[in-house]
Amino acid sequence: MPQPGGRTLLGGKIHVIKVGTSSLLTNDEVGGQKVSLSNISRLVELIASLRKSGDHVVLVSSGAVGMGCLKLGLSQRPTGPGVKQALAAAGQSRLMRLYEDLFAVIGVNVAQLLISRDD
């Protein structure tokens, strides 16, 4: 039966956390961008804490295009849909690797589910 603040599943609440690019990246010293390890680490610790209390977490993450820009050394984010799609493809693997590495430190397995607006 649903509880206030979230739905229940196997005895715990379900938390859906949406993280945008601005939470994953931060400005560097020379005006570019870099990965915000402190923000991502806090997110990982929050999710671990929720899971430890018996809750379930779904992380909805943007950031693939921004990570693609970093991976390919682009200082400005392109606007064309084809270029953005290519950057997202390049950045998605790096983003998942980052999540996998950080969650592995605390013993949490992660998986990826790609969805579209129609899903």
N, C-alpha and C. Protein backbone atom coordinates (compact mmCIF):
# COMPACT_ATOMS: atom_id res chain seq x y z
N MET A 1 0.84 -1.18 0.00
CA MET A 1 0.00 0.00 0.00
C MET A 1 0.89 1.24 0.00
N PRO A 2 0.57 2.24 -0.83
CA PRO A 2 1.39 3.45 -0.88
C PRO A 2 1.42 4.19 0.46
N GLN A 3 2.56 4.77 0.74
CA GLN A 3 2.75 5.56 1.95
C GLN A 3 3.02 7.01 1.55
N PRO A 4 2.71 7.98 2.42
CA PRO A 4 3.05 9.36 2.12
C PRO A 4 4.55 9.49 1.88
N GLY A 5 4.91 10.25 0.85
CA GLY A 5 6.32 10.48 0.57
C GLY A 5 6.92 9.48 -0.39
N GLY A 6 6.20 8.51 -0.83
CA GLY A 6 6.75 7.54 -1.78
C GLY A 6 5.90 6.30 -1.83
N ARG A 7 6.08 5.50 -2.86
CA ARG A 7 5.37 4.23 -2.99
C ARG A 7 6.18 3.17 -2.28
N THR A 8 5.51 2.14 -1.81
CA THR A 8 6.23 1.07 -1.14
C THR A 8 6.45 -0.09 -2.11
N LEU A 9 7.56 -0.77 -1.91
CA LEU A 9 7.91 -1.93 -2.70
C LEU A 9 8.72 -2.84 -1.80
N LEU A 10 8.21 -4.01 -1.54
CA LEU A 10 8.93 -4.95 -0.69
C LEU A 10 9.35 -4.33 0.64
N GLY A 11 8.48 -3.52 1.20
CA GLY A 11 8.73 -2.97 2.53
C GLY A 11 9.44 -1.64 2.57
N GLY A 12 9.87 -1.09 1.46
CA GLY A 12 10.57 0.19 1.50
C GLY A 12 9.95 1.18 0.53
N LYS A 13 10.27 2.42 0.73
CA LYS A 13 9.78 3.46 -0.18
C LYS A 13 10.62 3.46 -1.45
N ILE A 14 10.05 4.01 -2.52
CA ILE A 14 10.77 4.20 -3.77
C ILE A 14 11.05 5.69 -3.90
N HIS A 15 12.32 6.03 -4.01
CA HIS A 15 12.73 7.42 -4.20
C HIS A 15 13.23 7.57 -5.63
N VAL A 16 12.72 8.57 -6.35
CA VAL A 16 13.21 8.89 -7.68
C VAL A 16 13.99 10.19 -7.57
N ILE A 17 15.28 10.11 -7.89
CA ILE A 17 16.17 11.27 -7.78
C ILE A 17 16.60 11.68 -9.18
N LYS A 18 16.31 12.93 -9.54
CA LYS A 18 16.69 13.47 -10.85
C LYS A 18 17.92 14.34 -10.67
N VAL A 19 18.96 14.03 -11.43
CA VAL A 19 20.21 14.79 -11.37
C VAL A 19 20.48 15.39 -12.74
N GLY A 20 20.69 16.69 -12.78
CA GLY A 20 20.97 17.37 -14.04
C GLY A 20 22.45 17.59 -14.25
N THR A 21 22.77 18.01 -15.45
CA THR A 21 24.17 18.26 -15.82
C THR A 21 24.83 19.25 -14.88
N SER A 22 24.10 20.26 -14.44
CA SER A 22 24.70 21.28 -13.58
C SER A 22 25.08 20.73 -12.21
N SER A 23 24.51 19.59 -11.82
CA SER A 23 24.91 18.95 -10.57
C SER A 23 26.12 18.04 -10.76
N LEU A 24 26.34 17.59 -11.97
CA LEU A 24 27.43 16.66 -12.26
C LEU A 24 28.72 17.37 -12.66
N LEU A 25 28.59 18.55 -13.25
CA LEU A 25 29.74 19.30 -13.73
C LEU A 25 29.85 20.62 -12.99
N THR A 26 31.06 21.13 -12.90
CA THR A 26 31.28 22.42 -12.27
C THR A 26 32.32 23.18 -13.08
N ASN A 27 32.41 24.47 -12.89
CA ASN A 27 33.39 25.27 -13.61
C ASN A 27 34.79 25.01 -13.06
N ASP A 28 35.76 24.98 -13.96
CA ASP A 28 37.14 24.82 -13.51
C ASP A 28 37.82 26.18 -13.41
N GLU A 29 39.10 26.18 -13.12
CA GLU A 29 39.84 27.42 -12.86
C GLU A 29 40.04 28.28 -14.10
N VAL A 30 39.94 27.71 -15.28
CA VAL A 30 40.21 28.46 -16.51
C VAL A 30 38.96 28.72 -17.34
N GLY A 31 37.79 28.58 -16.74
CA GLY A 31 36.55 28.89 -17.43
C GLY A 31 35.89 27.74 -18.15
N GLY A 32 36.49 26.57 -18.09
CA GLY A 32 35.89 25.38 -18.69
C GLY A 32 35.06 24.64 -17.66
N GLN A 33 34.83 23.38 -17.91
CA GLN A 33 34.08 22.57 -16.96
C GLN A 33 34.85 21.32 -16.61
N LYS A 34 34.52 20.76 -15.45
CA LYS A 34 35.10 19.51 -14.99
C LYS A 34 34.04 18.76 -14.20
N VAL A 35 34.29 17.49 -13.97
CA VAL A 35 33.37 16.67 -13.19
C VAL A 35 33.40 17.13 -11.73
N SER A 36 32.23 17.26 -11.13
CA SER A 36 32.13 17.63 -9.72
C SER A 36 32.09 16.36 -8.88
N LEU A 37 33.27 15.85 -8.57
CA LEU A 37 33.35 14.62 -7.79
C LEU A 37 32.71 14.77 -6.41
N SER A 38 32.79 15.97 -5.83
CA SER A 38 32.19 16.17 -4.51
C SER A 38 30.67 16.04 -4.58
N ASN A 39 30.04 16.60 -5.59
CA ASN A 39 28.58 16.48 -5.73
C ASN A 39 28.18 15.04 -5.98
N ILE A 40 28.89 14.38 -6.88
CA ILE A 40 28.53 13.00 -7.22
C ILE A 40 28.77 12.08 -6.03
N SER A 41 29.84 12.31 -5.29
CA SER A 41 30.11 11.49 -4.10
C SER A 41 29.02 11.66 -3.04
N ARG A 42 28.55 12.90 -2.86
CA ARG A 42 27.44 13.12 -1.91
C ARG A 42 26.18 12.41 -2.37
N LEU A 43 25.93 12.42 -3.67
CA LEU A 43 24.77 11.72 -4.22
C LEU A 43 24.87 10.22 -3.95
N VAL A 44 26.04 9.65 -4.18
CA VAL A 44 26.27 8.23 -3.94
C VAL A 44 26.05 7.89 -2.47
N GLU A 45 26.56 8.72 -1.58
CA GLU A 45 26.38 8.49 -0.14
C GLU A 45 24.91 8.60 0.26
N LEU A 46 24.18 9.55 -0.32
CA LEU A 46 22.75 9.68 -0.04
C LEU A 46 22.00 8.43 -0.48
N ILE A 47 22.28 7.97 -1.68
CA ILE A 47 21.60 6.78 -2.19
C ILE A 47 21.94 5.57 -1.33
N ALA A 48 23.19 5.44 -0.94
CA ALA A 48 23.60 4.32 -0.07
C ALA A 48 22.85 4.37 1.25
N SER A 49 22.69 5.55 1.80
CA SER A 49 21.98 5.71 3.07
C SER A 49 20.50 5.31 2.93
N LEU A 50 19.87 5.73 1.84
CA LEU A 50 18.47 5.37 1.61
C LEU A 50 18.32 3.86 1.45
N ARG A 51 19.23 3.25 0.72
CA ARG A 51 19.19 1.80 0.52
C ARG A 51 19.42 1.06 1.84
N LYS A 52 20.32 1.58 2.65
CA LYS A 52 20.62 0.95 3.94
C LYS A 52 19.39 0.96 4.85
N SER A 53 18.56 1.98 4.71
CA SER A 53 17.35 2.07 5.53
C SER A 53 16.21 1.21 4.95
N GLY A 54 16.47 0.49 3.86
CA GLY A 54 15.47 -0.40 3.28
C GLY A 54 14.69 0.18 2.13
N ASP A 55 15.02 1.38 1.72
CA ASP A 55 14.31 2.02 0.62
C ASP A 55 14.95 1.65 -0.72
N HIS A 56 14.23 1.95 -1.78
CA HIS A 56 14.69 1.69 -3.14
C HIS A 56 14.89 3.03 -3.83
N VAL A 57 15.88 3.09 -4.71
CA VAL A 57 16.21 4.36 -5.37
C VAL A 57 16.31 4.16 -6.87
N VAL A 58 15.68 5.08 -7.60
CA VAL A 58 15.84 5.17 -9.04
C VAL A 58 16.53 6.50 -9.30
N LEU A 59 17.70 6.45 -9.91
CA LEU A 59 18.46 7.67 -10.24
C LEU A 59 18.22 7.99 -11.70
N VAL A 60 17.66 9.16 -11.95
CA VAL A 60 17.43 9.65 -13.31
C VAL A 60 18.49 10.71 -13.56
N SER A 61 19.38 10.42 -14.50
CA SER A 61 20.54 11.29 -14.67
C SER A 61 20.64 11.85 -16.07
N SER A 62 20.78 13.16 -16.15
CA SER A 62 21.20 13.81 -17.38
C SER A 62 22.72 13.85 -17.34
N GLY A 63 23.31 14.53 -18.27
CA GLY A 63 24.75 14.74 -18.20
C GLY A 63 25.57 14.07 -19.28
N ALA A 64 24.95 13.23 -20.12
CA ALA A 64 25.73 12.53 -21.13
C ALA A 64 26.35 13.49 -22.15
N VAL A 65 25.61 14.52 -22.56
CA VAL A 65 26.15 15.47 -23.52
C VAL A 65 27.31 16.25 -22.90
N GLY A 66 27.13 16.70 -21.67
CA GLY A 66 28.20 17.43 -20.98
C GLY A 66 29.44 16.57 -20.79
N MET A 67 29.24 15.30 -20.44
CA MET A 67 30.37 14.39 -20.29
C MET A 67 31.04 14.14 -21.64
N GLY A 68 30.24 14.10 -22.70
CA GLY A 68 30.81 13.94 -24.04
C GLY A 68 31.67 15.13 -24.42
N CYS A 69 31.23 16.33 -24.06
CA CYS A 69 32.04 17.53 -24.31
C CYS A 69 33.38 17.43 -23.59
N LEU A 70 33.36 16.98 -22.34
CA LEU A 70 34.60 16.82 -21.59
C LEU A 70 35.49 15.75 -22.24
N LYS A 71 34.89 14.64 -22.59
CA LYS A 71 35.63 13.52 -23.16
C LYS A 71 36.33 13.91 -24.46
N LEU A 72 35.65 14.72 -25.26
CA LEU A 72 36.19 15.11 -26.56
C LEU A 72 36.91 16.46 -26.52
N GLY A 73 37.00 17.06 -25.35
CA GLY A 73 37.75 18.30 -25.19
C GLY A 73 37.10 19.52 -25.79
N LEU A 74 35.77 19.55 -25.85
CA LEU A 74 35.06 20.71 -26.39
C LEU A 74 34.81 21.72 -25.29
N SER A 75 35.13 22.96 -25.56
CA SER A 75 34.93 24.00 -24.54
C SER A 75 33.53 24.59 -24.59
N GLN A 76 32.86 24.48 -25.73
CA GLN A 76 31.49 24.98 -25.84
C GLN A 76 30.56 23.85 -26.26
N ARG A 77 29.37 23.91 -25.76
CA ARG A 77 28.39 22.86 -26.03
C ARG A 77 27.70 23.15 -27.37
N PRO A 78 27.83 22.26 -28.36
CA PRO A 78 27.17 22.46 -29.65
C PRO A 78 25.64 22.41 -29.51
N THR A 79 24.96 22.96 -30.50
CA THR A 79 23.50 23.03 -30.41
C THR A 79 22.79 22.12 -31.40
N GLY A 80 23.46 21.68 -32.44
CA GLY A 80 22.81 20.84 -33.46
C GLY A 80 22.42 19.48 -32.90
N PRO A 81 21.24 18.98 -33.27
CA PRO A 81 20.76 17.71 -32.70
C PRO A 81 21.67 16.53 -33.03
N GLY A 82 22.23 16.47 -34.23
CA GLY A 82 23.11 15.36 -34.59
C GLY A 82 24.39 15.37 -33.77
N VAL A 83 24.94 16.55 -33.56
CA VAL A 83 26.17 16.67 -32.78
C VAL A 83 25.89 16.36 -31.31
N LYS A 84 24.77 16.84 -30.80
CA LYS A 84 24.41 16.54 -29.42
C LYS A 84 24.20 15.04 -29.21
N GLN A 85 23.62 14.39 -30.20
CA GLN A 85 23.40 12.94 -30.11
C GLN A 85 24.74 12.20 -30.09
N ALA A 86 25.68 12.65 -30.91
CA ALA A 86 27.01 12.03 -30.93
C ALA A 86 27.73 12.27 -29.61
N LEU A 87 27.61 13.46 -29.06
CA LEU A 87 28.23 13.76 -27.77
C LEU A 87 27.62 12.93 -26.66
N ALA A 88 26.31 12.75 -26.71
CA ALA A 88 25.64 11.93 -25.69
C ALA A 88 26.14 10.49 -25.77
N ALA A 89 26.34 9.98 -26.98
CA ALA A 89 26.85 8.62 -27.14
C ALA A 89 28.26 8.51 -26.57
N ALA A 90 29.07 9.52 -26.82
CA ALA A 90 30.45 9.52 -26.30
C ALA A 90 30.47 9.68 -24.78
N GLY A 91 29.58 10.49 -24.25
CA GLY A 91 29.59 10.79 -22.82
C GLY A 91 28.89 9.77 -21.95
N GLN A 92 27.94 9.03 -22.52
CA GLN A 92 27.15 8.09 -21.71
C GLN A 92 28.03 7.01 -21.10
N SER A 93 28.97 6.50 -21.87
CA SER A 93 29.84 5.45 -21.32
C SER A 93 30.71 5.98 -20.18
N ARG A 94 31.17 7.21 -20.32
CA ARG A 94 31.98 7.81 -19.25
C ARG A 94 31.12 8.05 -18.00
N LEU A 95 29.91 8.51 -18.20
CA LEU A 95 29.01 8.77 -17.07
C LEU A 95 28.70 7.48 -16.32
N MET A 96 28.37 6.43 -17.05
CA MET A 96 28.08 5.15 -16.40
C MET A 96 29.31 4.58 -15.71
N ARG A 97 30.47 4.75 -16.31
CA ARG A 97 31.71 4.27 -15.68
C ARG A 97 31.94 4.99 -14.35
N LEU A 98 31.69 6.28 -14.34
CA LEU A 98 31.84 7.06 -13.11
C LEU A 98 30.88 6.57 -12.04
N TYR A 99 29.62 6.39 -12.40
CA TYR A 99 28.65 5.88 -11.43
C TYR A 99 29.05 4.48 -10.95
N GLU A 100 29.42 3.61 -11.88
CA GLU A 100 29.80 2.25 -11.50
C GLU A 100 30.98 2.25 -10.55
N ASP A 101 32.00 3.05 -10.84
CA ASP A 101 33.19 3.09 -9.99
C ASP A 101 32.88 3.60 -8.59
N LEU A 102 32.12 4.67 -8.50
CA LEU A 102 31.82 5.24 -7.19
C LEU A 102 30.88 4.35 -6.37
N PHE A 103 29.87 3.79 -7.01
CA PHE A 103 28.97 2.89 -6.28
C PHE A 103 29.67 1.59 -5.88
N ALA A 104 30.62 1.13 -6.69
CA ALA A 104 31.35 -0.10 -6.36
C ALA A 104 32.14 0.05 -5.07
N VAL A 105 32.63 1.24 -4.79
CA VAL A 105 33.38 1.49 -3.56
C VAL A 105 32.54 1.17 -2.33
N ILE A 106 31.24 1.39 -2.42
CA ILE A 106 30.36 1.12 -1.28
C ILE A 106 29.56 -0.17 -1.47
N GLY A 107 29.93 -0.95 -2.48
CA GLY A 107 29.31 -2.26 -2.66
C GLY A 107 27.92 -2.26 -3.25
N VAL A 108 27.60 -1.26 -4.06
CA VAL A 108 26.28 -1.17 -4.68
C VAL A 108 26.43 -1.39 -6.18
N ASN A 109 25.69 -2.35 -6.71
CA ASN A 109 25.69 -2.58 -8.16
C ASN A 109 24.72 -1.61 -8.83
N VAL A 110 25.09 -1.17 -10.02
CA VAL A 110 24.23 -0.26 -10.77
C VAL A 110 23.91 -0.85 -12.13
N ALA A 111 22.85 -0.37 -12.74
CA ALA A 111 22.47 -0.76 -14.09
C ALA A 111 21.90 0.45 -14.80
N GLN A 112 21.84 0.36 -16.09
CA GLN A 112 21.37 1.47 -16.90
C GLN A 112 20.12 1.05 -17.66
N LEU A 113 19.16 1.95 -17.72
CA LEU A 113 17.96 1.76 -18.52
C LEU A 113 17.78 3.02 -19.34
N LEU A 114 17.83 2.89 -20.65
CA LEU A 114 17.67 4.03 -21.53
C LEU A 114 16.21 4.14 -21.94
N ILE A 115 15.63 5.30 -21.75
CA ILE A 115 14.23 5.51 -22.10
C ILE A 115 14.11 6.78 -22.94
N SER A 116 13.00 6.88 -23.63
CA SER A 116 12.71 8.07 -24.43
C SER A 116 11.47 8.74 -23.85
N ARG A 117 11.12 9.88 -24.40
CA ARG A 117 9.92 10.59 -23.94
C ARG A 117 8.66 9.74 -24.11
N ASP A 118 8.65 8.89 -25.12
CA ASP A 118 7.48 8.05 -25.40
C ASP A 118 7.33 6.92 -24.40
N ASP A 119 8.39 6.58 -23.68
CA ASP A 119 8.33 5.49 -22.71
C ASP A 119 7.55 5.94 -21.50
